[in-house]
Amino acid sequence: MMTVRLSANYSNEQTQLLGQIVLANFANNEGLASEGDNVWSATQSSGVALLGTAGTGNFGTLTNGALEASNVDLSKELVNMIVAQRNYQSNAQTIKTQDQILNTLVNLR
């Protein structure tokens, strides 16, 4: 079990425990309400927060001094965006061609 405690070290070499970090799990994470700036709040849909310490049960872990990298593959997303743009252009051209054909048919009378 990993217990994460916050403590303060003073210049007189005294150390004081400030608190302990706990993590929260919810029965339905999709039910959480976004408050903005990566802040979420519990709702009836999410259920009550179950509190616990890192590394126990279904709770995650905390890593000291680590920086989480972006979990988005930029090259893959850029390729997806180009494909979507080409699909859009193709559909727009199809509609334009259909419109031209209809105009030609109407003008044949």
PDB file of N, CA and C in Angstrom:
ATOM      1  N   MET A   1       0.847  -1.182   0.000  1.00  0.00           N
ATOM      2  CA  MET A   1       0.000   0.000   0.000  1.00  0.00           C
ATOM      3  C   MET A   1       0.886   1.236   0.000  1.00  0.00           C
ATOM      4  N   MET A   2       0.596   2.182  -0.890  1.00  0.00           N
ATOM      5  CA  MET A   2       1.372   3.399  -0.973  1.00  0.00           C
ATOM      6  C   MET A   2       0.563   4.530  -0.338  1.00  0.00           C
ATOM      7  N   THR A   3       1.080   5.099   0.721  1.00  0.00           N
ATOM      8  CA  THR A   3       0.435   6.232   1.362  1.00  0.00           C
ATOM      9  C   THR A   3       1.229   7.475   1.007  1.00  0.00           C
ATOM     10  N   VAL A   4       0.558   8.475   0.463  1.00  0.00           N
ATOM     11  CA  VAL A   4       1.228   9.705   0.063  1.00  0.00           C
ATOM     12  C   VAL A   4       0.898  10.776   1.082  1.00  0.00           C
ATOM     13  N   ARG A   5       1.927  11.207   1.786  1.00  0.00           N
ATOM     14  CA  ARG A   5       1.750  12.235   2.812  1.00  0.00           C
ATOM     15  C   ARG A   5       2.515  13.484   2.410  1.00  0.00           C
ATOM     16  N   LEU A   6       1.929  14.626   2.702  1.00  0.00           N
ATOM     17  CA  LEU A   6       2.578  15.904   2.457  1.00  0.00           C
ATOM     18  C   LEU A   6       3.118  16.428   3.773  1.00  0.00           C
ATOM     19  N   SER A   7       4.379  16.831   3.749  1.00  0.00           N
ATOM     20  CA  SER A   7       4.968  17.368   4.974  1.00  0.00           C
ATOM     21  C   SER A   7       5.768  18.612   4.638  1.00  0.00           C
ATOM     22  N   ALA A   8       5.957  19.437   5.637  1.00  0.00           N
ATOM     23  CA  ALA A   8       6.725  20.669   5.485  1.00  0.00           C
ATOM     24  C   ALA A   8       8.002  20.543   6.298  1.00  0.00           C
ATOM     25  N   ASN A   9       9.114  20.950   5.689  1.00  0.00           N
ATOM     26  CA  ASN A   9      10.398  20.983   6.381  1.00  0.00           C
ATOM     27  C   ASN A   9      10.749  22.441   6.640  1.00  0.00           C
ATOM     28  N   TYR A  10      10.954  22.784   7.893  1.00  0.00           N
ATOM     29  CA  TYR A  10      11.238  24.156   8.284  1.00  0.00           C
ATOM     30  C   TYR A  10      12.734  24.362   8.479  1.00  0.00           C
ATOM     31  N   SER A  11      13.148  25.637   8.492  1.00  0.00           N
ATOM     32  CA  SER A  11      14.569  25.967   8.627  1.00  0.00           C
ATOM     33  C   SER A  11      15.144  25.541   9.974  1.00  0.00           C
ATOM     34  N   ASN A  12      14.291  25.345  10.981  1.00  0.00           N
ATOM     35  CA  ASN A  12      14.776  24.891  12.289  1.00  0.00           C
ATOM     36  C   ASN A  12      14.823  23.363  12.361  1.00  0.00           C
ATOM     37  N   GLU A  13      14.796  22.730  11.172  1.00  0.00           N
ATOM     38  CA  GLU A  13      14.874  21.279  11.019  1.00  0.00           C
ATOM     39  C   GLU A  13      13.675  20.530  11.598  1.00  0.00           C
ATOM     40  N   GLN A  14      12.600  21.239  11.845  1.00  0.00           N
ATOM     41  CA  GLN A  14      11.353  20.613  12.277  1.00  0.00           C
ATOM     42  C   GLN A  14      10.570  20.186  11.032  1.00  0.00           C
ATOM     43  N   THR A  15       9.872  19.091  11.131  1.00  0.00           N
ATOM     44  CA  THR A  15       9.018  18.593  10.057  1.00  0.00           C
ATOM     45  C   THR A  15       7.604  18.461  10.585  1.00  0.00           C
ATOM     46  N   GLN A  16       6.650  18.924   9.790  1.00  0.00           N
ATOM     47  CA  GLN A  16       5.255  18.838  10.211  1.00  0.00           C
ATOM     48  C   GLN A  16       4.432  18.191   9.103  1.00  0.00           C
ATOM     49  N   LEU A  17       3.615  17.218   9.482  1.00  0.00           N
ATOM     50  CA  LEU A  17       2.718  16.562   8.537  1.00  0.00           C
ATOM     51  C   LEU A  17       1.573  17.518   8.202  1.00  0.00           C
ATOM     52  N   LEU A  18       1.385  17.792   6.906  1.00  0.00           N
ATOM     53  CA  LEU A  18       0.339  18.715   6.467  1.00  0.00           C
ATOM     54  C   LEU A  18      -0.936  17.990   6.050  1.00  0.00           C
ATOM     55  N   GLY A  19      -0.795  16.796   5.546  1.00  0.00           N
ATOM     56  CA  GLY A  19      -1.977  16.067   5.110  1.00  0.00           C
ATOM     57  C   GLY A  19      -1.600  14.831   4.328  1.00  0.00           C
ATOM     58  N   GLN A  20      -2.623  14.166   3.814  1.00  0.00           N
ATOM     59  CA  GLN A  20      -2.436  12.938   3.048  1.00  0.00           C
ATOM     60  C   GLN A  20      -3.268  13.039   1.782  1.00  0.00           C
ATOM     61  N   ILE A  21      -2.720  12.595   0.670  1.00  0.00           N
ATOM     62  CA  ILE A  21      -3.437  12.628  -0.605  1.00  0.00           C
ATOM     63  C   ILE A  21      -4.301  11.380  -0.716  1.00  0.00           C
ATOM     64  N   VAL A  22      -5.576  11.591  -1.003  1.00  0.00           N
ATOM     65  CA  VAL A  22      -6.489  10.471  -1.233  1.00  0.00           C
ATOM     66  C   VAL A  22      -7.015  10.578  -2.659  1.00  0.00           C
ATOM     67  N   LEU A  23      -7.397   9.452  -3.207  1.00  0.00           N
ATOM     68  CA  LEU A  23      -7.959   9.399  -4.553  1.00  0.00           C
ATOM     69  C   LEU A  23      -9.432   9.031  -4.467  1.00  0.00           C
ATOM     70  N   ALA A  24     -10.192   9.414  -5.482  1.00  0.00           N
ATOM     71  CA  ALA A  24     -11.629   9.126  -5.498  1.00  0.00           C
ATOM     72  C   ALA A  24     -11.981   8.297  -6.727  1.00  0.00           C
ATOM     73  N   ASN A  25     -12.815   7.293  -6.528  1.00  0.00           N
ATOM     74  CA  ASN A  25     -13.386   6.487  -7.609  1.00  0.00           C
ATOM     75  C   ASN A  25     -14.892   6.680  -7.606  1.00  0.00           C
ATOM     76  N   PHE A  26     -15.496   6.549  -8.785  1.00  0.00           N
ATOM     77  CA  PHE A  26     -16.941   6.674  -8.910  1.00  0.00           C
ATOM     78  C   PHE A  26     -17.483   5.454  -9.632  1.00  0.00           C
ATOM     79  N   ALA A  27     -18.702   5.080  -9.320  1.00  0.00           N
ATOM     80  CA  ALA A  27     -19.333   3.932  -9.973  1.00  0.00           C
ATOM     81  C   ALA A  27     -19.496   4.191 -11.469  1.00  0.00           C
ATOM     82  N   ASN A  28     -19.766   5.446 -11.854  1.00  0.00           N
ATOM     83  CA  ASN A  28     -19.970   5.811 -13.256  1.00  0.00           C
ATOM     84  C   ASN A  28     -19.190   7.085 -13.556  1.00  0.00           C
ATOM     85  N   ASN A  29     -17.966   6.943 -14.062  1.00  0.00           N
ATOM     86  CA  ASN A  29     -17.137   8.112 -14.368  1.00  0.00           C
ATOM     87  C   ASN A  29     -17.767   9.000 -15.432  1.00  0.00           C
ATOM     88  N   GLU A  30     -18.551   8.407 -16.337  1.00  0.00           N
ATOM     89  CA  GLU A  30     -19.203   9.184 -17.394  1.00  0.00           C
ATOM     90  C   GLU A  30     -20.273  10.113 -16.824  1.00  0.00           C
ATOM     91  N   GLY A  31     -20.716   9.861 -15.602  1.00  0.00           N
ATOM     92  CA  GLY A  31     -21.744  10.676 -14.981  1.00  0.00           C
ATOM     93  C   GLY A  31     -21.211  11.915 -14.286  1.00  0.00           C
ATOM     94  N   LEU A  32     -19.890  12.080 -14.224  1.00  0.00           N
ATOM     95  CA  LEU A  32     -19.306  13.262 -13.589  1.00  0.00           C
ATOM     96  C   LEU A  32     -19.619  14.510 -14.410  1.00  0.00           C
ATOM     97  N   ALA A  33     -19.797  15.636 -13.729  1.00  0.00           N
ATOM     98  CA  ALA A  33     -20.092  16.903 -14.403  1.00  0.00           C
ATOM     99  C   ALA A  33     -18.808  17.714 -14.527  1.00  0.00           C
ATOM    100  N   SER A  34     -18.499  18.172 -15.743  1.00  0.00           N
ATOM    101  CA  SER A  34     -17.306  18.983 -15.978  1.00  0.00           C
ATOM    102  C   SER A  34     -17.553  20.405 -15.496  1.00  0.00           C
ATOM    103  N   GLU A  35     -16.640  20.887 -14.666  1.00  0.00           N
ATOM    104  CA  GLU A  35     -16.732  22.257 -14.162  1.00  0.00           C
ATOM    105  C   GLU A  35     -15.756  23.170 -14.907  1.00  0.00           C
ATOM    106  N   GLY A  36     -14.958  22.613 -15.811  1.00  0.00           N
ATOM    107  CA  GLY A  36     -13.947  23.370 -16.544  1.00  0.00           C
ATOM    108  C   GLY A  36     -12.602  23.305 -15.845  1.00  0.00           C
ATOM    109  N   ASP A  37     -11.545  23.618 -16.576  1.00  0.00           N
ATOM    110  CA  ASP A  37     -10.175  23.607 -16.048  1.00  0.00           C
ATOM    111  C   ASP A  37      -9.820  22.285 -15.389  1.00  0.00           C
ATOM    112  N   ASN A  38     -10.261  21.183 -15.980  1.00  0.00           N
ATOM    113  CA  ASN A  38      -9.962  19.829 -15.492  1.00  0.00           C
ATOM    114  C   ASN A  38     -10.511  19.572 -14.088  1.00  0.00           C
ATOM    115  N   VAL A  39     -11.619  20.226 -13.766  1.00  0.00           N
ATOM    116  CA  VAL A  39     -12.292  20.030 -12.478  1.00  0.00           C
ATOM    117  C   VAL A  39     -13.619  19.327 -12.751  1.00  0.00           C
ATOM    118  N   TRP A  40     -13.907  18.282 -11.975  1.00  0.00           N
ATOM    119  CA  TRP A  40     -15.122  17.486 -12.147  1.00  0.00           C
ATOM    120  C   TRP A  40     -15.855  17.406 -10.826  1.00  0.00           C
ATOM    121  N   SER A  41     -17.175  17.294 -10.888  1.00  0.00           N
ATOM    122  CA  SER A  41     -17.951  17.163  -9.657  1.00  0.00           C
ATOM    123  C   SER A  41     -18.908  15.981  -9.771  1.00  0.00           C
ATOM    124  N   ALA A  42     -19.222  15.417  -8.616  1.00  0.00           N
ATOM    125  CA  ALA A  42     -20.107  14.255  -8.555  1.00  0.00           C
ATOM    126  C   ALA A  42     -21.544  14.668  -8.861  1.00  0.00           C
ATOM    127  N   THR A  43     -22.283  13.762  -9.469  1.00  0.00           N
ATOM    128  CA  THR A  43     -23.705  13.956  -9.733  1.00  0.00           C
ATOM    129  C   THR A  43     -24.435  12.697  -9.272  1.00  0.00           C
ATOM    130  N   GLN A  44     -25.753  12.718  -9.371  1.00  0.00           N
ATOM    131  CA  GLN A  44     -26.507  11.509  -9.040  1.00  0.00           C
ATOM    132  C   GLN A  44     -26.127  10.371  -9.974  1.00  0.00           C
ATOM    133  N   SER A  45     -25.836  10.721 -11.225  1.00  0.00           N
ATOM    134  CA  SER A  45     -25.479   9.708 -12.217  1.00  0.00           C
ATOM    135  C   SER A  45     -24.119   9.066 -11.933  1.00  0.00           C
ATOM    136  N   SER A  46     -23.175   9.856 -11.412  1.00  0.00           N
ATOM    137  CA  SER A  46     -21.833   9.319 -11.139  1.00  0.00           C
ATOM    138  C   SER A  46     -21.799   8.479  -9.875  1.00  0.00           C
ATOM    139  N   GLY A  47     -22.686   8.780  -8.955  1.00  0.00           N
ATOM    140  CA  GLY A  47     -22.671   8.081  -7.672  1.00  0.00           C
ATOM    141  C   GLY A  47     -21.787   8.801  -6.669  1.00  0.00           C
ATOM    142  N   VAL A  48     -21.724   8.258  -5.485  1.00  0.00           N
ATOM    143  CA  VAL A  48     -20.945   8.849  -4.395  1.00  0.00           C
ATOM    144  C   VAL A  48     -19.469   8.518  -4.593  1.00  0.00           C
ATOM    145  N   ALA A  49     -18.601   9.455  -4.226  1.00  0.00           N
ATOM    146  CA  ALA A  49     -17.158   9.234  -4.328  1.00  0.00           C
ATOM    147  C   ALA A  49     -16.708   8.196  -3.313  1.00  0.00           C
ATOM    148  N   LEU A  50     -15.927   7.219  -3.781  1.00  0.00           N
ATOM    149  CA  LEU A  50     -15.310   6.233  -2.905  1.00  0.00           C
ATOM    150  C   LEU A  50     -13.856   6.642  -2.734  1.00  0.00           C
ATOM    151  N   LEU A  51     -13.457   6.992  -1.518  1.00  0.00           N
ATOM    152  CA  LEU A  51     -12.113   7.497  -1.263  1.00  0.00           C
ATOM    153  C   LEU A  51     -11.178   6.378  -0.839  1.00  0.00           C
ATOM    154  N   GLY A  52      -9.921   6.500  -1.243  1.00  0.00           N
ATOM    155  CA  GLY A  52      -8.916   5.515  -0.867  1.00  0.00           C
ATOM    156  C   GLY A  52      -7.527   6.046  -1.148  1.00  0.00           C
ATOM    157  N   THR A  53      -6.529   5.259  -0.811  1.00  0.00           N
ATOM    158  CA  THR A  53      -5.147   5.675  -1.024  1.00  0.00           C
ATOM    159  C   THR A  53      -4.601   5.064  -2.310  1.00  0.00           C
ATOM    160  N   ALA A  54      -3.602   5.722  -2.863  1.00  0.00           N
ATOM    161  CA  ALA A  54      -3.003   5.281  -4.122  1.00  0.00           C
ATOM    162  C   ALA A  54      -2.425   3.880  -3.987  1.00  0.00           C
ATOM    163  N   GLY A  55      -2.611   3.086  -5.038  1.00  0.00           N
ATOM    164  CA  GLY A  55      -2.030   1.755  -5.079  1.00  0.00           C
ATOM    165  C   GLY A  55      -2.845   0.672  -4.411  1.00  0.00           C
ATOM    166  N   THR A  56      -4.049   1.003  -3.935  1.00  0.00           N
ATOM    167  CA  THR A  56      -4.892  -0.011  -3.304  1.00  0.00           C
ATOM    168  C   THR A  56      -6.165  -0.189  -4.117  1.00  0.00           C
ATOM    169  N   GLY A  57      -6.694  -1.383  -4.142  1.00  0.00           N
ATOM    170  CA  GLY A  57      -7.960  -1.650  -4.826  1.00  0.00           C
ATOM    171  C   GLY A  57      -7.942  -1.181  -6.264  1.00  0.00           C
ATOM    172  N   ASN A  58      -8.994  -0.465  -6.655  1.00  0.00           N
ATOM    173  CA  ASN A  58      -9.106   0.059  -8.019  1.00  0.00           C
ATOM    174  C   ASN A  58      -8.537   1.461  -8.160  1.00  0.00           C
ATOM    175  N   PHE A  59      -7.823   1.911  -7.151  1.00  0.00           N
ATOM    176  CA  PHE A  59      -7.254   3.254  -7.203  1.00  0.00           C
ATOM    177  C   PHE A  59      -5.950   3.226  -7.986  1.00  0.00           C
ATOM    178  N   GLY A  60      -5.651   4.306  -8.645  1.00  0.00           N
ATOM    179  CA  GLY A  60      -4.423   4.400  -9.431  1.00  0.00           C
ATOM    180  C   GLY A  60      -3.211   4.574  -8.542  1.00  0.00           C
ATOM    181  N   THR A  61      -2.118   4.916  -9.160  1.00  0.00           N
ATOM    182  CA  THR A  61      -0.887   5.152  -8.413  1.00  0.00           C
ATOM    183  C   THR A  61      -0.412   6.569  -8.673  1.00  0.00           C
ATOM    184  N   LEU A  62       0.415   7.058  -7.797  1.00  0.00           N
ATOM    185  CA  LEU A  62       1.032   8.368  -7.946  1.00  0.00           C
ATOM    186  C   LEU A  62       2.527   8.166  -8.101  1.00  0.00           C
ATOM    187  N   THR A  63       3.139   8.948  -8.985  1.00  0.00           N
ATOM    188  CA  THR A  63       4.573   8.851  -9.209  1.00  0.00           C
ATOM    189  C   THR A  63       5.211  10.194  -8.905  1.00  0.00           C
ATOM    190  N   ASN A  64       6.160  10.194  -8.006  1.00  0.00           N
ATOM    191  CA  ASN A  64       6.840  11.404  -7.582  1.00  0.00           C
ATOM    192  C   ASN A  64       7.748  11.930  -8.688  1.00  0.00           C
ATOM    193  N   GLY A  65       7.664  13.221  -8.977  1.00  0.00           N
ATOM    194  CA  GLY A  65       8.564  13.860  -9.922  1.00  0.00           C
ATOM    195  C   GLY A  65       8.329  13.505 -11.379  1.00  0.00           C
ATOM    196  N   ALA A  66       7.196  12.928 -11.705  1.00  0.00           N
ATOM    197  CA  ALA A  66       6.921  12.522 -13.084  1.00  0.00           C
ATOM    198  C   ALA A  66       6.018  13.545 -13.762  1.00  0.00           C
ATOM    199  N   LEU A  67       6.155  13.618 -15.064  1.00  0.00           N
ATOM    200  CA  LEU A  67       5.315  14.497 -15.869  1.00  0.00           C
ATOM    201  C   LEU A  67       4.584  13.636 -16.881  1.00  0.00           C
ATOM    202  N   GLU A  68       3.261  13.706 -16.884  1.00  0.00           N
ATOM    203  CA  GLU A  68       2.488  12.899 -17.827  1.00  0.00           C
ATOM    204  C   GLU A  68       2.567  13.537 -19.204  1.00  0.00           C
ATOM    205  N   ALA A  69       2.974  12.754 -20.158  1.00  0.00           N
ATOM    206  CA  ALA A  69       3.049  13.240 -21.532  1.00  0.00           C
ATOM    207  C   ALA A  69       1.655  13.181 -22.157  1.00  0.00           C
ATOM    208  N   SER A  70       1.488  13.941 -23.210  1.00  0.00           N
ATOM    209  CA  SER A  70       0.219  13.910 -23.925  1.00  0.00           C
ATOM    210  C   SER A  70      -0.012  12.515 -24.474  1.00  0.00           C
ATOM    211  N   ASN A  71      -1.228  12.024 -24.358  1.00  0.00           N
ATOM    212  CA  ASN A  71      -1.529  10.694 -24.869  1.00  0.00           C
ATOM    213  C   ASN A  71      -2.253  10.777 -26.210  1.00  0.00           C
ATOM    214  N   VAL A  72      -1.940  11.826 -26.971  1.00  0.00           N
ATOM    215  CA  VAL A  72      -2.499  12.001 -28.308  1.00  0.00           C
ATOM    216  C   VAL A  72      -1.366  11.809 -29.313  1.00  0.00           C
ATOM    217  N   ASP A  73      -1.587  10.957 -30.308  1.00  0.00           N
ATOM    218  CA  ASP A  73      -0.612  10.742 -31.375  1.00  0.00           C
ATOM    219  C   ASP A  73      -0.862  11.801 -32.441  1.00  0.00           C
ATOM    220  N   LEU A  74      -0.021  12.852 -32.450  1.00  0.00           N
ATOM    221  CA  LEU A  74      -0.259  13.982 -33.343  1.00  0.00           C
ATOM    222  C   LEU A  74      -0.227  13.585 -34.812  1.00  0.00           C
ATOM    223  N   SER A  75       0.689  12.717 -35.203  1.00  0.00           N
ATOM    224  CA  SER A  75       0.760  12.339 -36.620  1.00  0.00           C
ATOM    225  C   SER A  75      -0.500  11.587 -37.042  1.00  0.00           C
ATOM    226  N   LYS A  76      -1.000  10.713 -36.181  1.00  0.00           N
ATOM    227  CA  LYS A  76      -2.231   9.975 -36.494  1.00  0.00           C
ATOM    228  C   LYS A  76      -3.420  10.932 -36.599  1.00  0.00           C
ATOM    229  N   GLU A  77      -3.503  11.886 -35.679  1.00  0.00           N
ATOM    230  CA  GLU A  77      -4.609  12.845 -35.702  1.00  0.00           C
ATOM    231  C   GLU A  77      -4.531  13.748 -36.929  1.00  0.00           C
ATOM    232  N   LEU A  78      -3.316  14.111 -37.348  1.00  0.00           N
ATOM    233  CA  LEU A  78      -3.157  14.928 -38.550  1.00  0.00           C
ATOM    234  C   LEU A  78      -3.608  14.153 -39.786  1.00  0.00           C
ATOM    235  N   VAL A  79      -3.236  12.879 -39.860  1.00  0.00           N
ATOM    236  CA  VAL A  79      -3.683  12.036 -40.978  1.00  0.00           C
ATOM    237  C   VAL A  79      -5.205  11.928 -40.973  1.00  0.00           C
ATOM    238  N   ASN A  80      -5.806  11.722 -39.797  1.00  0.00           N
ATOM    239  CA  ASN A  80      -7.271  11.646 -39.699  1.00  0.00           C
ATOM    240  C   ASN A  80      -7.924  12.941 -40.166  1.00  0.00           C
ATOM    241  N   MET A  81      -7.307  14.081 -39.824  1.00  0.00           N
ATOM    242  CA  MET A  81      -7.862  15.370 -40.222  1.00  0.00           C
ATOM    243  C   MET A  81      -7.779  15.547 -41.742  1.00  0.00           C
ATOM    244  N   ILE A  82      -6.659  15.129 -42.345  1.00  0.00           N
ATOM    245  CA  ILE A  82      -6.513  15.229 -43.801  1.00  0.00           C
ATOM    246  C   ILE A  82      -7.531  14.335 -44.501  1.00  0.00           C
ATOM    247  N   VAL A  83      -7.726  13.120 -44.000  1.00  0.00           N
ATOM    248  CA  VAL A  83      -8.716  12.205 -44.579  1.00  0.00           C
ATOM    249  C   VAL A  83     -10.113  12.809 -44.477  1.00  0.00           C
ATOM    250  N   ALA A  84     -10.443  13.379 -43.324  1.00  0.00           N
ATOM    251  CA  ALA A  84     -11.764  13.998 -43.149  1.00  0.00           C
ATOM    252  C   ALA A  84     -11.942  15.169 -44.104  1.00  0.00           C
ATOM    253  N   GLN A  85     -10.885  15.974 -44.285  1.00  0.00           N
ATOM    254  CA  GLN A  85     -10.966  17.110 -45.201  1.00  0.00           C
ATOM    255  C   GLN A  85     -11.180  16.634 -46.636  1.00  0.00           C
ATOM    256  N   ARG A  86     -10.486  15.594 -47.045  1.00  0.00           N
ATOM    257  CA  ARG A  86     -10.653  15.066 -48.410  1.00  0.00           C
ATOM    258  C   ARG A  86     -12.043  14.468 -48.599  1.00  0.00           C
ATOM    259  N   ASN A  87     -12.554  13.794 -47.579  1.00  0.00           N
ATOM    260  CA  ASN A  87     -13.923  13.268 -47.657  1.00  0.00           C
ATOM    261  C   ASN A  87     -14.923  14.403 -47.826  1.00  0.00           C
ATOM    262  N   TYR A  88     -14.716  15.487 -47.074  1.00  0.00           N
ATOM    263  CA  TYR A  88     -15.602  16.642 -47.174  1.00  0.00           C
ATOM    264  C   TYR A  88     -15.539  17.237 -48.582  1.00  0.00           C
ATOM    265  N   GLN A  89     -14.315  17.404 -49.104  1.00  0.00           N
ATOM    266  CA  GLN A  89     -14.163  17.960 -50.452  1.00  0.00           C
ATOM    267  C   GLN A  89     -14.824  17.063 -51.493  1.00  0.00           C
ATOM    268  N   SER A  90     -14.666  15.766 -51.339  1.00  0.00           N
ATOM    269  CA  SER A  90     -15.275  14.819 -52.275  1.00  0.00           C
ATOM    270  C   SER A  90     -16.794  14.918 -52.238  1.00  0.00           C
ATOM    271  N   ASN A  91     -17.358  14.973 -51.043  1.00  0.00           N
ATOM    272  CA  ASN A  91     -18.814  15.100 -50.911  1.00  0.00           C
ATOM    273  C   ASN A  91     -19.307  16.424 -51.473  1.00  0.00           C
ATOM    274  N   ALA A  92     -18.551  17.497 -51.235  1.00  0.00           N
ATOM    275  CA  ALA A  92     -18.943  18.804 -51.770  1.00  0.00           C
ATOM    276  C   ALA A  92     -18.921  18.784 -53.296  1.00  0.00           C
ATOM    277  N   GLN A  93     -17.916  18.136 -53.882  1.00  0.00           N
ATOM    278  CA  GLN A  93     -17.829  18.038 -55.346  1.00  0.00           C
ATOM    279  C   GLN A  93     -18.980  17.211 -55.903  1.00  0.00           C
ATOM    280  N   THR A  94     -19.360  16.148 -55.198  1.00  0.00           N
ATOM    281  CA  THR A  94     -20.489  15.312 -55.626  1.00  0.00           C
ATOM    282  C   THR A  94     -21.774  16.127 -55.653  1.00  0.00           C
ATOM    283  N   ILE A  95     -22.000  16.915 -54.621  1.00  0.00           N
ATOM    284  CA  ILE A  95     -23.205  17.753 -54.559  1.00  0.00           C
ATOM    285  C   ILE A  95     -23.178  18.799 -55.665  1.00  0.00           C
ATOM    286  N   LYS A  96     -22.005  19.387 -55.918  1.00  0.00           N
ATOM    287  CA  LYS A  96     -21.879  20.397 -56.972  1.00  0.00           C
ATOM    288  C   LYS A  96     -22.181  19.780 -58.342  1.00  0.00           C
ATOM    289  N   THR A  97     -21.650  18.592 -58.599  1.00  0.00           N
ATOM    290  CA  THR A  97     -21.897  17.903 -59.873  1.00  0.00           C
ATOM    291  C   THR A  97     -23.370  17.555 -60.024  1.00  0.00           C
ATOM    292  N   GLN A  98     -23.984  17.084 -58.947  1.00  0.00           N
ATOM    293  CA  GLN A  98     -25.412  16.751 -58.983  1.00  0.00           C
ATOM    294  C   GLN A  98     -26.230  17.999 -59.282  1.00  0.00           C
ATOM    295  N   ASP A  99     -25.865  19.114 -58.693  1.00  0.00           N
ATOM    296  CA  ASP A  99     -26.571  20.369 -58.931  1.00  0.00           C
ATOM    297  C   ASP A  99     -26.432  20.796 -60.394  1.00  0.00           C
ATOM    298  N   GLN A 100     -25.233  20.643 -60.963  1.00  0.00           N
ATOM    299  CA  GLN A 100     -25.022  21.000 -62.368  1.00  0.00           C
ATOM    300  C   GLN A 100     -25.848  20.109 -63.294  1.00  0.00           C
ATOM    301  N   ILE A 101     -25.924  18.815 -62.992  1.00  0.00           N
ATOM    302  CA  ILE A 101     -26.723  17.890 -63.810  1.00  0.00           C
ATOM    303  C   ILE A 101     -28.196  18.269 -63.750  1.00  0.00           C
ATOM    304  N   LEU A 102     -28.704  18.574 -62.549  1.00  0.00           N
ATOM    305  CA  LEU A 102     -30.109  18.975 -62.416  1.00  0.00           C
ATOM    306  C   LEU A 102     -30.386  20.263 -63.172  1.00  0.00           C
ATOM    307  N   ASN A 103     -29.473  21.222 -63.116  1.00  0.00           N
ATOM    308  CA  ASN A 103     -29.646  22.474 -63.863  1.00  0.00           C
ATOM    309  C   ASN A 103     -29.674  22.210 -65.365  1.00  0.00           C
ATOM    310  N   THR A 104     -28.812  21.320 -65.839  1.00  0.00           N
ATOM    311  CA  THR A 104     -28.794  20.975 -67.265  1.00  0.00           C
ATOM    312  C   THR A 104     -30.110  20.328 -67.677  1.00  0.00           C
ATOM    313  N   LEU A 105     -30.629  19.406 -66.862  1.00  0.00           N
ATOM    314  CA  LEU A 105     -31.895  18.738 -67.163  1.00  0.00           C
ATOM    315  C   LEU A 105     -33.056  19.722 -67.183  1.00  0.00           C
ATOM    316  N   VAL A 106     -33.067  20.655 -66.249  1.00  0.00           N
ATOM    317  CA  VAL A 106     -34.141  21.650 -66.200  1.00  0.00           C
ATOM    318  C   VAL A 106     -34.088  22.538 -67.437  1.00  0.00           C
ATOM    319  N   ASN A 107     -32.903  22.874 -67.903  1.00  0.00           N
ATOM    320  CA  ASN A 107     -32.755  23.763 -69.064  1.00  0.00           C
ATOM    321  C   ASN A 107     -32.995  23.056 -70.392  1.00  0.00           C
ATOM    322  N   LEU A 108     -33.119  21.714 -70.412  1.00  0.00           N
ATOM    323  CA  LEU A 108     -33.392  20.980 -71.651  1.00  0.00           C
ATOM    324  C   LEU A 108     -34.819  21.189 -72.130  1.00  0.00           C
ATOM    325  N   ARG A 109     -35.724  21.562 -71.312  1.00  0.00           N
ATOM    326  CA  ARG A 109     -37.127  21.751 -71.685  1.00  0.00           C
ATOM    327  C   ARG A 109     -37.258  22.902 -72.557  1.00  0.00           C
TER     328      ARG A 109
END
